[in-house]
C-alpha atoms as a PDB file:
ATOM      1  CA  MET A   1       0.000   0.000   0.000  1.00  0.00           C
ATOM      2  CA  GLY A   2       1.863   3.081  -1.161  1.00  0.00           C
ATOM      3  CA  ASP A   3       0.952   6.729  -0.937  1.00  0.00           C
ATOM      4  CA  LYS A   4      -2.691   7.519  -1.553  1.00  0.00           C
ATOM      5  CA  GLY A   5      -2.100  10.456  -3.778  1.00  0.00           C
ATOM      6  CA  ALA A   6      -1.985  13.082  -1.101  1.00  0.00           C
ATOM      7  CA  GLY A   7       0.595  15.810  -0.820  1.00  0.00           C
ATOM      8  CA  ASN A   8       4.010  15.022   0.613  1.00  0.00           C
ATOM      9  CA  HIS A   9       4.946  16.048   4.142  1.00  0.00           C
ATOM     10  CA  SER A  10       7.010  18.919   2.662  1.00  0.00           C
ATOM     11  CA  ASP A  11       3.703  20.577   1.646  1.00  0.00           C
ATOM     12  CA  VAL A  12       2.491  20.597   5.262  1.00  0.00           C
ATOM     13  CA  THR A  13       3.538  23.734   7.124  1.00  0.00           C
ATOM     14  CA  ASP A  14       1.389  23.318  10.222  1.00  0.00           C
ATOM     15  CA  PHE A  15      -1.100  21.095  12.045  1.00  0.00           C
ATOM     16  CA  ILE A  16      -4.310  21.799  13.958  1.00  0.00           C
ATOM     17  CA  LEU A  17      -4.475  20.446  17.509  1.00  0.00           C
ATOM     18  CA  VAL A  18      -8.110  19.650  18.278  1.00  0.00           C
ATOM     19  CA  GLY A  19      -7.634  19.378  22.043  1.00  0.00           C
ATOM     20  CA  PHE A  20     -10.601  18.220  24.115  1.00  0.00           C
ATOM     21  CA  ARG A  21     -13.938  18.041  22.321  1.00  0.00           C
ATOM     22  CA  VAL A  22     -15.931  20.052  24.848  1.00  0.00           C
ATOM     23  CA  ARG A  23     -18.204  23.077  24.726  1.00  0.00           C
ATOM     24  CA  PRO A  24     -16.309  26.367  24.087  1.00  0.00           C
ATOM     25  CA  GLU A  25     -17.270  27.756  27.507  1.00  0.00           C
ATOM     26  CA  LEU A  26     -15.434  24.846  29.183  1.00  0.00           C
ATOM     27  CA  HIS A  27     -12.093  25.819  27.617  1.00  0.00           C
ATOM     28  CA  ILE A  28     -11.518  28.439  30.304  1.00  0.00           C
ATOM     29  CA  LEU A  29     -12.072  25.742  32.939  1.00  0.00           C
ATOM     30  CA  LEU A  30      -9.545  23.462  31.204  1.00  0.00           C
ATOM     31  CA  PHE A  31      -7.096  26.368  31.026  1.00  0.00           C
ATOM     32  CA  LEU A  32      -7.427  27.061  34.763  1.00  0.00           C
ATOM     33  CA  LEU A  33      -7.146  23.361  35.628  1.00  0.00           C
ATOM     34  CA  PHE A  34      -3.980  22.938  33.542  1.00  0.00           C
ATOM     35  CA  LEU A  35      -2.573  26.198  34.949  1.00  0.00           C
ATOM     36  CA  LEU A  36      -3.165  25.062  38.530  1.00  0.00           C
ATOM     37  CA  VAL A  37      -1.661  21.592  38.060  1.00  0.00           C
ATOM     38  CA  TYR A  38       1.269  22.905  35.990  1.00  0.00           C
ATOM     39  CA  GLY A  39       1.936  25.540  38.668  1.00  0.00           C
ATOM     40  CA  VAL A  40       2.133  22.786  41.301  1.00  0.00           C
ATOM     41  CA  VAL A  41       4.450  20.792  38.987  1.00  0.00           C
ATOM     42  CA  LEU A  42       6.790  23.792  38.715  1.00  0.00           C
ATOM     43  CA  LEU A  43       6.675  24.561  42.424  1.00  0.00           C
ATOM     44  CA  GLY A  44       7.128  20.959  43.567  1.00  0.00           C
ATOM     45  CA  ASN A  45       9.935  19.961  41.231  1.00  0.00           C
ATOM     46  CA  ILE A  46      11.902  23.221  41.426  1.00  0.00           C
ATOM     47  CA  SER A  47      11.622  23.052  45.230  1.00  0.00           C
ATOM     48  CA  MET A  48      12.841  19.446  45.216  1.00  0.00           C
ATOM     49  CA  ILE A  49      15.842  20.344  43.026  1.00  0.00           C
ATOM     50  CA  GLY A  50      16.568  23.368  45.243  1.00  0.00           C
ATOM     51  CA  ILE A  51      16.458  21.302  48.447  1.00  0.00           C
ATOM     52  CA  ILE A  52      18.764  18.625  47.008  1.00  0.00           C
ATOM     53  CA  VAL A  53      21.281  21.168  45.671  1.00  0.00           C
ATOM     54  CA  THR A  54      21.434  23.305  48.836  1.00  0.00           C
ATOM     55  CA  ASP A  55      21.520  20.598  51.523  1.00  0.00           C
ATOM     56  CA  SER A  56      24.897  18.844  51.779  1.00  0.00           C
ATOM     57  CA  GLN A  57      23.337  15.902  53.661  1.00  0.00           C
ATOM     58  CA  LEU A  58      21.407  15.021  50.514  1.00  0.00           C
ATOM     59  CA  ASN A  59      24.622  14.684  48.500  1.00  0.00           C
ATOM     60  CA  THR A  60      24.073  10.949  47.978  1.00  0.00           C
ATOM     61  CA  PRO A  61      23.420   8.786  44.884  1.00  0.00           C
ATOM     62  CA  MET A  62      19.703   8.407  45.680  1.00  0.00           C
ATOM     63  CA  TYR A  63      19.144  12.175  45.790  1.00  0.00           C
ATOM     64  CA  PHE A  64      21.360  12.717  42.745  1.00  0.00           C
ATOM     65  CA  PHE A  65      18.966  10.488  40.802  1.00  0.00           C
ATOM     66  CA  LEU A  66      15.949  12.145  42.438  1.00  0.00           C
ATOM     67  CA  GLY A  67      17.169  15.597  41.408  1.00  0.00           C
ATOM     68  CA  ASN A  68      17.468  14.411  37.822  1.00  0.00           C
ATOM     69  CA  LEU A  69      14.016  12.814  38.024  1.00  0.00           C
ATOM     70  CA  SER A  70      12.542  16.153  39.154  1.00  0.00           C
ATOM     71  CA  PHE A  71      14.276  17.949  36.270  1.00  0.00           C
ATOM     72  CA  ILE A  72      12.916  15.406  33.764  1.00  0.00           C
ATOM     73  CA  ASP A  73       9.360  15.642  35.176  1.00  0.00           C
ATOM     74  CA  LEU A  74       9.541  19.419  35.007  1.00  0.00           C
ATOM     75  CA  SER A  75      10.866  19.312  31.446  1.00  0.00           C
ATOM     76  CA  TYR A  76       8.365  17.010  29.777  1.00  0.00           C
ATOM     77  CA  SER A  77       5.437  18.803  31.426  1.00  0.00           C
ATOM     78  CA  THR A  78       6.837  22.102  30.129  1.00  0.00           C
ATOM     79  CA  VAL A  79       7.116  20.659  26.613  1.00  0.00           C
ATOM     80  CA  ILE A  80       3.342  20.007  26.546  1.00  0.00           C
ATOM     81  CA  ALA A  81       1.393  22.121  29.063  1.00  0.00           C
ATOM     82  CA  PRO A  82       2.127  25.755  27.992  1.00  0.00           C
ATOM     83  CA  LYS A  83       1.202  25.102  24.343  1.00  0.00           C
ATOM     84  CA  ALA A  84      -1.963  23.248  25.407  1.00  0.00           C
ATOM     85  CA  MET A  85      -2.998  26.185  27.629  1.00  0.00           C
ATOM     86  CA  VAL A  86      -2.416  28.677  24.808  1.00  0.00           C
ATOM     87  CA  ASN A  87      -4.607  26.576  22.506  1.00  0.00           C
ATOM     88  CA  PHE A  88      -7.402  26.363  25.098  1.00  0.00           C
ATOM     89  CA  MET A  89      -7.714  30.167  24.921  1.00  0.00           C
ATOM     90  CA  SER A  90      -7.172  30.517  21.180  1.00  0.00           C
ATOM     91  CA  GLU A  91      -9.454  30.183  18.183  1.00  0.00           C
ATOM     92  CA  LYS A  92      -6.499  29.252  15.996  1.00  0.00           C
ATOM     93  CA  ARG A  93      -5.162  26.033  17.531  1.00  0.00           C
ATOM     94  CA  THR A  94      -2.300  25.470  15.157  1.00  0.00           C
ATOM     95  CA  VAL A  95       1.254  24.273  15.655  1.00  0.00           C
ATOM     96  CA  SER A  96       3.929  24.563  12.981  1.00  0.00           C
ATOM     97  CA  PHE A  97       5.402  21.451  11.380  1.00  0.00           C
ATOM     98  CA  VAL A  98       8.775  22.203  12.989  1.00  0.00           C
ATOM     99  CA  GLY A  99       7.111  23.057  16.330  1.00  0.00           C
ATOM    100  CA  CYS A 100       5.195  19.775  16.300  1.00  0.00           C
ATOM    101  CA  ALA A 101       8.347  17.782  15.491  1.00  0.00           C
ATOM    102  CA  ALA A 102      10.260  19.616  18.248  1.00  0.00           C
ATOM    103  CA  GLN A 103       7.515  18.974  20.806  1.00  0.00           C
ATOM    104  CA  PHE A 104       7.404  15.294  19.861  1.00  0.00           C
ATOM    105  CA  PHE A 105      11.222  15.048  20.020  1.00  0.00           C
ATOM    106  CA  PHE A 106      11.632  16.582  23.470  1.00  0.00           C
ATOM    107  CA  PHE A 107       8.655  14.737  24.952  1.00  0.00           C
ATOM    108  CA  ALA A 108      10.029  11.395  23.695  1.00  0.00           C
ATOM    109  CA  LEU A 109      13.513  12.347  24.935  1.00  0.00           C
ATOM    110  CA  PHE A 110      12.387  13.070  28.498  1.00  0.00           C
ATOM    111  CA  ILE A 111       9.823  10.277  28.872  1.00  0.00           C
ATOM    112  CA  VAL A 112      12.320   7.626  27.693  1.00  0.00           C
ATOM    113  CA  THR A 113      15.083   9.111  29.848  1.00  0.00           C
ATOM    114  CA  GLU A 114      12.767   8.920  32.870  1.00  0.00           C
ATOM    115  CA  GLY A 115      12.264   5.187  32.322  1.00  0.00           C
ATOM    116  CA  PHE A 116      16.019   4.561  32.390  1.00  0.00           C
ATOM    117  CA  VAL A 117      16.573   6.864  35.386  1.00  0.00           C
ATOM    118  CA  LEU A 118      13.894   4.954  37.326  1.00  0.00           C
ATOM    119  CA  ALA A 119      15.725   1.718  36.465  1.00  0.00           C
ATOM    120  CA  ALA A 120      18.993   3.253  37.740  1.00  0.00           C
ATOM    121  CA  MET A 121      17.209   4.252  40.961  1.00  0.00           C
ATOM    122  CA  ALA A 122      15.986   0.666  41.406  1.00  0.00           C
ATOM    123  CA  TYR A 123      19.568  -0.582  41.009  1.00  0.00           C
ATOM    124  CA  ASP A 124      20.694   2.018  43.565  1.00  0.00           C
ATOM    125  CA  ARG A 125      18.117   0.732  46.100  1.00  0.00           C
ATOM    126  CA  PHE A 126      19.188  -2.867  45.354  1.00  0.00           C
ATOM    127  CA  ILE A 127      22.832  -2.072  46.185  1.00  0.00           C
ATOM    128  CA  ALA A 128      21.845  -0.028  49.281  1.00  0.00           C
ATOM    129  CA  ILE A 129      19.770  -2.849  50.784  1.00  0.00           C
ATOM    130  CA  CYS A 130      21.463  -6.000  49.491  1.00  0.00           C
ATOM    131  CA  ASN A 131      25.102  -4.809  49.691  1.00  0.00           C
ATOM    132  CA  PRO A 132      25.095  -1.930  52.202  1.00  0.00           C
ATOM    133  CA  LEU A 133      28.764  -2.318  53.199  1.00  0.00           C
ATOM    134  CA  LEU A 134      29.877  -1.903  49.580  1.00  0.00           C
ATOM    135  CA  TYR A 135      27.316   0.786  48.699  1.00  0.00           C
ATOM    136  CA  SER A 136      29.755   3.709  48.584  1.00  0.00           C
ATOM    137  CA  VAL A 137      32.180   1.638  46.492  1.00  0.00           C
ATOM    138  CA  HIS A 138      29.612   0.430  43.957  1.00  0.00           C
ATOM    139  CA  MET A 139      27.556   3.625  43.681  1.00  0.00           C
ATOM    140  CA  SER A 140      30.417   6.060  43.072  1.00  0.00           C
ATOM    141  CA  ARG A 141      29.775   9.573  41.785  1.00  0.00           C
ATOM    142  CA  ARG A 142      31.313   8.547  38.473  1.00  0.00           C
ATOM    143  CA  LEU A 143      28.967   5.560  38.039  1.00  0.00           C
ATOM    144  CA  CYS A 144      25.911   7.653  38.962  1.00  0.00           C
ATOM    145  CA  THR A 145      26.899  10.298  36.398  1.00  0.00           C
ATOM    146  CA  GLN A 146      27.443   7.587  33.766  1.00  0.00           C
ATOM    147  CA  LEU A 147      24.026   6.036  34.483  1.00  0.00           C
ATOM    148  CA  VAL A 148      22.243   9.390  34.126  1.00  0.00           C
ATOM    149  CA  ALA A 149      24.268  10.326  31.014  1.00  0.00           C
ATOM    150  CA  GLY A 150      23.483   6.891  29.534  1.00  0.00           C
ATOM    151  CA  SER A 151      19.779   7.436  30.266  1.00  0.00           C
ATOM    152  CA  TYR A 152      19.822  10.740  28.368  1.00  0.00           C
ATOM    153  CA  PHE A 153      21.784   9.145  25.518  1.00  0.00           C
ATOM    154  CA  CYS A 154      19.170   6.363  25.170  1.00  0.00           C
ATOM    155  CA  GLY A 155      16.404   8.984  25.244  1.00  0.00           C
ATOM    156  CA  TRP A 156      18.229  11.065  22.626  1.00  0.00           C
ATOM    157  CA  VAL A 157      18.783   8.145  20.218  1.00  0.00           C
ATOM    158  CA  SER A 158      15.205   6.933  20.670  1.00  0.00           C
ATOM    159  CA  SER A 159      13.658  10.360  20.063  1.00  0.00           C
ATOM    160  CA  ILE A 160      15.789  11.006  16.959  1.00  0.00           C
ATOM    161  CA  LEU A 161      14.642   7.685  15.473  1.00  0.00           C
ATOM    162  CA  GLN A 162      10.999   8.277  16.414  1.00  0.00           C
ATOM    163  CA  VAL A 163      10.918  11.806  14.968  1.00  0.00           C
ATOM    164  CA  SER A 164      12.688  10.655  11.799  1.00  0.00           C
ATOM    165  CA  ILE A 165      10.191   7.914  11.017  1.00  0.00           C
ATOM    166  CA  THR A 166       7.086   9.826  12.185  1.00  0.00           C
ATOM    167  CA  PHE A 167       7.688  13.039  10.235  1.00  0.00           C
ATOM    168  CA  SER A 168       9.166  11.520   7.071  1.00  0.00           C
ATOM    169  CA  VAL A 169       5.776  10.170   5.964  1.00  0.00           C
ATOM    170  CA  SER A 170       3.340  11.718   3.493  1.00  0.00           C
ATOM    171  CA  PHE A 171       0.206  13.343   4.888  1.00  0.00           C
ATOM    172  CA  CYS A 172      -3.349  13.287   3.570  1.00  0.00           C
ATOM    173  CA  ALA A 173      -5.450  16.365   2.941  1.00  0.00           C
ATOM    174  CA  SER A 174      -6.306  16.542   6.632  1.00  0.00           C
ATOM    175  CA  ARG A 175      -3.774  18.118   8.997  1.00  0.00           C
ATOM    176  CA  VAL A 176      -5.998  17.788  12.073  1.00  0.00           C
ATOM    177  CA  ILE A 177      -4.403  16.021  15.045  1.00  0.00           C
ATOM    178  CA  ASP A 178      -7.107  14.790  17.412  1.00  0.00           C
ATOM    179  CA  HIS A 179      -5.183  15.507  20.612  1.00  0.00           C
ATOM    180  CA  PHE A 180      -3.935  18.426  22.727  1.00  0.00           C
ATOM    181  CA  TYR A 181      -0.301  17.712  21.787  1.00  0.00           C
ATOM    182  CA  CYS A 182       1.614  16.091  18.919  1.00  0.00           C
ATOM    183  CA  ASP A 183       0.915  12.437  19.667  1.00  0.00           C
ATOM    184  CA  SER A 184       2.541   9.877  17.363  1.00  0.00           C
ATOM    185  CA  TYR A 185      -0.576   7.708  17.061  1.00  0.00           C
ATOM    186  CA  GLN A 186      -2.733  10.656  15.957  1.00  0.00           C
ATOM    187  CA  ILE A 187      -0.033  11.888  13.550  1.00  0.00           C
ATOM    188  CA  GLU A 188       0.091   8.451  11.928  1.00  0.00           C
ATOM    189  CA  LYS A 189      -3.716   8.503  11.536  1.00  0.00           C
ATOM    190  CA  ILE A 190      -3.470  11.455   9.099  1.00  0.00           C
ATOM    191  CA  SER A 191      -0.638   9.862   7.120  1.00  0.00           C
ATOM    192  CA  CYS A 192      -1.122   8.459   3.624  1.00  0.00           C
ATOM    193  CA  SER A 193       2.052   6.373   3.680  1.00  0.00           C
ATOM    194  CA  ASN A 194       2.570   2.678   4.268  1.00  0.00           C
ATOM    195  CA  LEU A 195       3.302   2.599   8.010  1.00  0.00           C
ATOM    196  CA  PHE A 196       4.656  -0.947   8.211  1.00  0.00           C
ATOM    197  CA  VAL A 197       8.277   0.213   8.672  1.00  0.00           C
ATOM    198  CA  ASN A 198       7.167   2.861  11.196  1.00  0.00           C
ATOM    199  CA  LYS A 199       5.302   0.287  13.255  1.00  0.00           C
ATOM    200  CA  MET A 200       8.238  -2.156  13.177  1.00  0.00           C
ATOM    201  CA  VAL A 201      10.698   0.549  14.258  1.00  0.00           C
ATOM    202  CA  SER A 202       8.316   1.750  16.998  1.00  0.00           C
ATOM    203  CA  LEU A 203       7.830  -1.824  18.233  1.00  0.00           C
ATOM    204  CA  SER A 204      11.593  -2.438  18.240  1.00  0.00           C
ATOM    205  CA  LEU A 205      12.234   0.812  20.131  1.00  0.00           C
ATOM    206  CA  ALA A 206       9.495   0.034  22.665  1.00  0.00           C
ATOM    207  CA  THR A 207      11.017  -3.416  23.230  1.00  0.00           C
ATOM    208  CA  CYS A 208      14.538  -1.999  23.627  1.00  0.00           C
ATOM    209  CA  ILE A 209      13.303   0.662  26.072  1.00  0.00           C
ATOM    210  CA  ILE A 210      10.640  -1.097  28.131  1.00  0.00           C
ATOM    211  CA  LEU A 211      12.144  -4.605  28.391  1.00  0.00           C
ATOM    212  CA  PRO A 212      15.547  -3.729  29.944  1.00  0.00           C
ATOM    213  CA  THR A 213      14.150  -1.057  32.282  1.00  0.00           C
ATOM    214  CA  VAL A 214      11.323  -3.270  33.546  1.00  0.00           C
ATOM    215  CA  VAL A 215      13.671  -6.249  33.944  1.00  0.00           C
ATOM    216  CA  VAL A 216      16.141  -4.172  35.996  1.00  0.00           C
ATOM    217  CA  ILE A 217      13.341  -2.834  38.212  1.00  0.00           C
ATOM    218  CA  VAL A 218      11.631  -6.219  38.722  1.00  0.00           C
ATOM    219  CA  VAL A 219      14.857  -8.166  39.355  1.00  0.00           C
ATOM    220  CA  SER A 220      16.148  -5.455  41.727  1.00  0.00           C
ATOM    221  CA  TYR A 221      12.960  -5.599  43.778  1.00  0.00           C
ATOM    222  CA  MET A 222      12.935  -9.397  43.796  1.00  0.00           C
ATOM    223  CA  TYR A 223      16.372  -9.317  45.445  1.00  0.00           C
ATOM    224  CA  ILE A 224      15.311  -6.458  47.738  1.00  0.00           C
ATOM    225  CA  VAL A 225      12.210  -8.317  48.966  1.00  0.00           C
ATOM    226  CA  THR A 226      14.209 -11.524  49.506  1.00  0.00           C
ATOM    227  CA  THR A 227      16.857  -9.633  51.507  1.00  0.00           C
ATOM    228  CA  VAL A 228      14.360  -7.634  53.565  1.00  0.00           C
ATOM    229  CA  LEU A 229      12.374 -10.742  54.539  1.00  0.00           C
ATOM    230  CA  LYS A 230      15.566 -12.194  56.021  1.00  0.00           C
ATOM    231  CA  ILE A 231      15.896  -9.274  58.438  1.00  0.00           C
ATOM    232  CA  PRO A 232      14.891 -10.665  61.869  1.00  0.00           C
ATOM    233  CA  SER A 233      13.286  -7.572  63.409  1.00  0.00           C
ATOM    234  CA  SER A 234      10.013  -6.104  62.130  1.00  0.00           C
ATOM    235  CA  GLU A 235      11.405  -2.607  62.742  1.00  0.00           C
ATOM    236  CA  GLY A 236      14.392  -3.385  60.509  1.00  0.00           C
ATOM    237  CA  ARG A 237      12.132  -4.720  57.768  1.00  0.00           C
ATOM    238  CA  LYS A 238       9.905  -1.660  57.993  1.00  0.00           C
ATOM    239  CA  LYS A 239      12.898   0.689  57.765  1.00  0.00           C
ATOM    240  CA  ALA A 240      14.318  -1.168  54.740  1.00  0.00           C
ATOM    241  CA  PHE A 241      10.988  -1.178  52.890  1.00  0.00           C
ATOM    242  CA  SER A 242      10.435   2.534  53.656  1.00  0.00           C
ATOM    243  CA  THR A 243      13.563   3.423  51.635  1.00  0.00           C
ATOM    244  CA  CYS A 244      11.994   1.776  48.562  1.00  0.00           C
ATOM    245  CA  SER A 245       8.312   2.648  48.934  1.00  0.00           C
ATOM    246  CA  SER A 246       8.597   6.125  47.389  1.00  0.00           C
ATOM    247  CA  HIS A 247      10.481   4.844  44.335  1.00  0.00           C
ATOM    248  CA  LEU A 248       8.054   1.956  43.925  1.00  0.00           C
ATOM    249  CA  GLY A 249       5.133   4.393  44.113  1.00  0.00           C
ATOM    250  CA  VAL A 250       6.639   6.617  41.390  1.00  0.00           C
ATOM    251  CA  VAL A 251       7.377   3.613  39.137  1.00  0.00           C
ATOM    252  CA  SER A 252       3.827   2.273  39.564  1.00  0.00           C
ATOM    253  CA  LEU A 253       2.340   5.700  38.848  1.00  0.00           C
ATOM    254  CA  LEU A 254       4.298   6.257  35.629  1.00  0.00           C
ATOM    255  CA  TYR A 255       4.030   2.756  34.147  1.00  0.00           C
ATOM    256  CA  GLY A 256       0.416   2.436  35.279  1.00  0.00           C
ATOM    257  CA  THR A 257      -0.737   5.642  33.583  1.00  0.00           C
ATOM    258  CA  VAL A 258       1.290   5.061  30.399  1.00  0.00           C
ATOM    259  CA  SER A 259      -0.048   1.489  30.145  1.00  0.00           C
ATOM    260  CA  PHE A 260      -3.592   2.748  30.615  1.00  0.00           C
ATOM    261  CA  VAL A 261      -3.164   5.253  27.766  1.00  0.00           C
ATOM    262  CA  TYR A 262      -1.922   2.657  25.293  1.00  0.00           C
ATOM    263  CA  LEU A 263      -4.399  -0.033  26.392  1.00  0.00           C
ATOM    264  CA  THR A 264      -7.339   2.356  26.000  1.00  0.00           C
ATOM    265  CA  PRO A 265      -9.249   1.477  22.795  1.00  0.00           C
ATOM    266  CA  PRO A 266      -8.464   3.839  19.879  1.00  0.00           C
ATOM    267  CA  SER A 267     -12.222   4.140  19.404  1.00  0.00           C
ATOM    268  CA  ASN A 268     -12.335   6.270  22.572  1.00  0.00           C
ATOM    269  CA  PRO A 269      -9.914   9.169  21.846  1.00  0.00           C
ATOM    270  CA  GLU A 270     -11.324  11.422  24.590  1.00  0.00           C
ATOM    271  CA  LEU A 271     -10.515   8.833  27.266  1.00  0.00           C
ATOM    272  CA  ARG A 272      -6.972   8.558  25.859  1.00  0.00           C
ATOM    273  CA  LYS A 273      -6.612  12.333  26.178  1.00  0.00           C
ATOM    274  CA  VAL A 274      -7.741  12.286  29.812  1.00  0.00           C
ATOM    275  CA  ALA A 275      -5.347   9.404  30.535  1.00  0.00           C
ATOM    276  CA  SER A 276      -2.526  11.358  28.865  1.00  0.00           C
ATOM    277  CA  VAL A 277      -3.085  14.231  31.287  1.00  0.00           C
ATOM    278  CA  PHE A 278      -2.205  11.871  34.134  1.00  0.00           C
ATOM    279  CA  TYR A 279       1.306  11.016  32.972  1.00  0.00           C
ATOM    280  CA  ILE A 280       1.990  14.464  31.470  1.00  0.00           C
ATOM    281  CA  LEU A 281       0.847  16.545  34.464  1.00  0.00           C
ATOM    282  CA  VAL A 282      -0.515  14.504  37.373  1.00  0.00           C
ATOM    283  CA  THR A 283       2.472  12.137  37.705  1.00  0.00           C
ATOM    284  CA  PRO A 284       5.069  14.981  37.692  1.00  0.00           C
ATOM    285  CA  MET A 285       2.891  16.813  40.234  1.00  0.00           C
ATOM    286  CA  LEU A 286       2.678  13.819  42.600  1.00  0.00           C
ATOM    287  CA  ASN A 287       6.304  12.631  42.388  1.00  0.00           C
ATOM    288  CA  PRO A 288       7.781  15.411  44.605  1.00  0.00           C
ATOM    289  CA  LEU A 289       4.909  14.939  47.068  1.00  0.00           C
ATOM    290  CA  ILE A 290       5.533  11.183  47.253  1.00  0.00           C
ATOM    291  CA  TYR A 291       9.222  11.686  47.954  1.00  0.00           C
ATOM    292  CA  SER A 292       8.819  14.611  50.369  1.00  0.00           C
ATOM    293  CA  LEU A 293       5.928  13.198  52.410  1.00  0.00           C
ATOM    294  CA  ARG A 294       7.487   9.750  52.839  1.00  0.00           C
ATOM    295  CA  ASN A 295      11.118  10.798  53.265  1.00  0.00           C
ATOM    296  CA  LYS A 296      12.564  11.960  56.593  1.00  0.00           C
ATOM    297  CA  ASP A 297      15.726  13.400  55.003  1.00  0.00           C
ATOM    298  CA  VAL A 298      13.781  15.626  52.586  1.00  0.00           C
ATOM    299  CA  LYS A 299      11.396  16.787  55.319  1.00  0.00           C
ATOM    300  CA  GLN A 300      14.323  17.557  57.610  1.00  0.00           C
ATOM    301  CA  ALA A 301      16.119  19.504  54.849  1.00  0.00           C
ATOM    302  CA  LEU A 302      12.930  21.465  54.118  1.00  0.00           C
ATOM    303  CA  ARG A 303      12.510  22.303  57.818  1.00  0.00           C
ATOM    304  CA  LYS A 304      16.129  23.475  57.949  1.00  0.00           C
ATOM    305  CA  ILE A 305      15.620  25.808  54.959  1.00  0.00           C
ATOM    306  CA  LEU A 306      12.396  27.226  56.417  1.00  0.00           C
ATOM    307  CA  TRP A 307      14.049  27.665  59.835  1.00  0.00           C
ATOM    308  CA  ASN A 308      17.002  29.514  58.282  1.00  0.00           C
ATOM    309  CA  LYS A 309      14.622  31.802  56.376  1.00  0.00           C
ATOM    310  CA  LYS A 310      12.690  32.486  59.547  1.00  0.00           C
ATOM    311  CA  ALA A 311      15.909  33.257  61.443  1.00  0.00           C
ATOM    312  CA  LEU A 312      17.076  35.684  58.741  1.00  0.00           C
ATOM    313  CA  SER A 313      13.754  37.541  58.575  1.00  0.00           C
END
């Protein structure tokens, strides 16, 4: 099945982002809702980064990864939310071809990088609980930097490949993307090209990204659970599990929401849009709360900062 006679992608200069199919008077409500949640995302993640950078006691591998996680959450929300809010308040809901490709590239970069960073955090918890005496040797600053750099490299390679195959296709007469951001599935729906190669490359990338990260996380936690159950005291077991509960909560939140989006039937695009909001905005909003509410070190560092401010005022 070749091209269907439509114009090539070079003829397309922009796309129309439909957004949510609601009554016009509800757009202001959507704008305010996105503004509120995005504001909390900014506040929470910038605060988390600030606390980690300013408190020397948080200069550990776990918080190094957490700081990067906060930066990634902040980044991929920023790639999507501001443009969506502008479109909610605009009659002309267009995005340029280059702007759409850039949005898709950076979103793919950060979401893939987050998956690998979460896997690195699982490995960090595995070493901390299963080999505590060798923790500082294994989790050196150099290794942590290499793991984060490798995560970004994997995200970069993946996003370059995804953008290349997604935006090299020919498009039909329609340039309407039925979403509030440049989603690959909706972009492919308005393509006139044979998408077999695209689907094979996407499947291969998904396998190369999801399989190793999930395996690292699952195997790490299998060893963690086995080790923790061998601890004789219930207090010791509780303390060991508490160091992992926040990370496990964040992993479950991200993979749960992303899975829900892609398991939602294509025949229900509005439900897919609502589900997308969860991993684009709700997950980055909740991650700092999960780590700050369940972490004594972060709470103590926050109290110290607030106390110092109070003393200076």
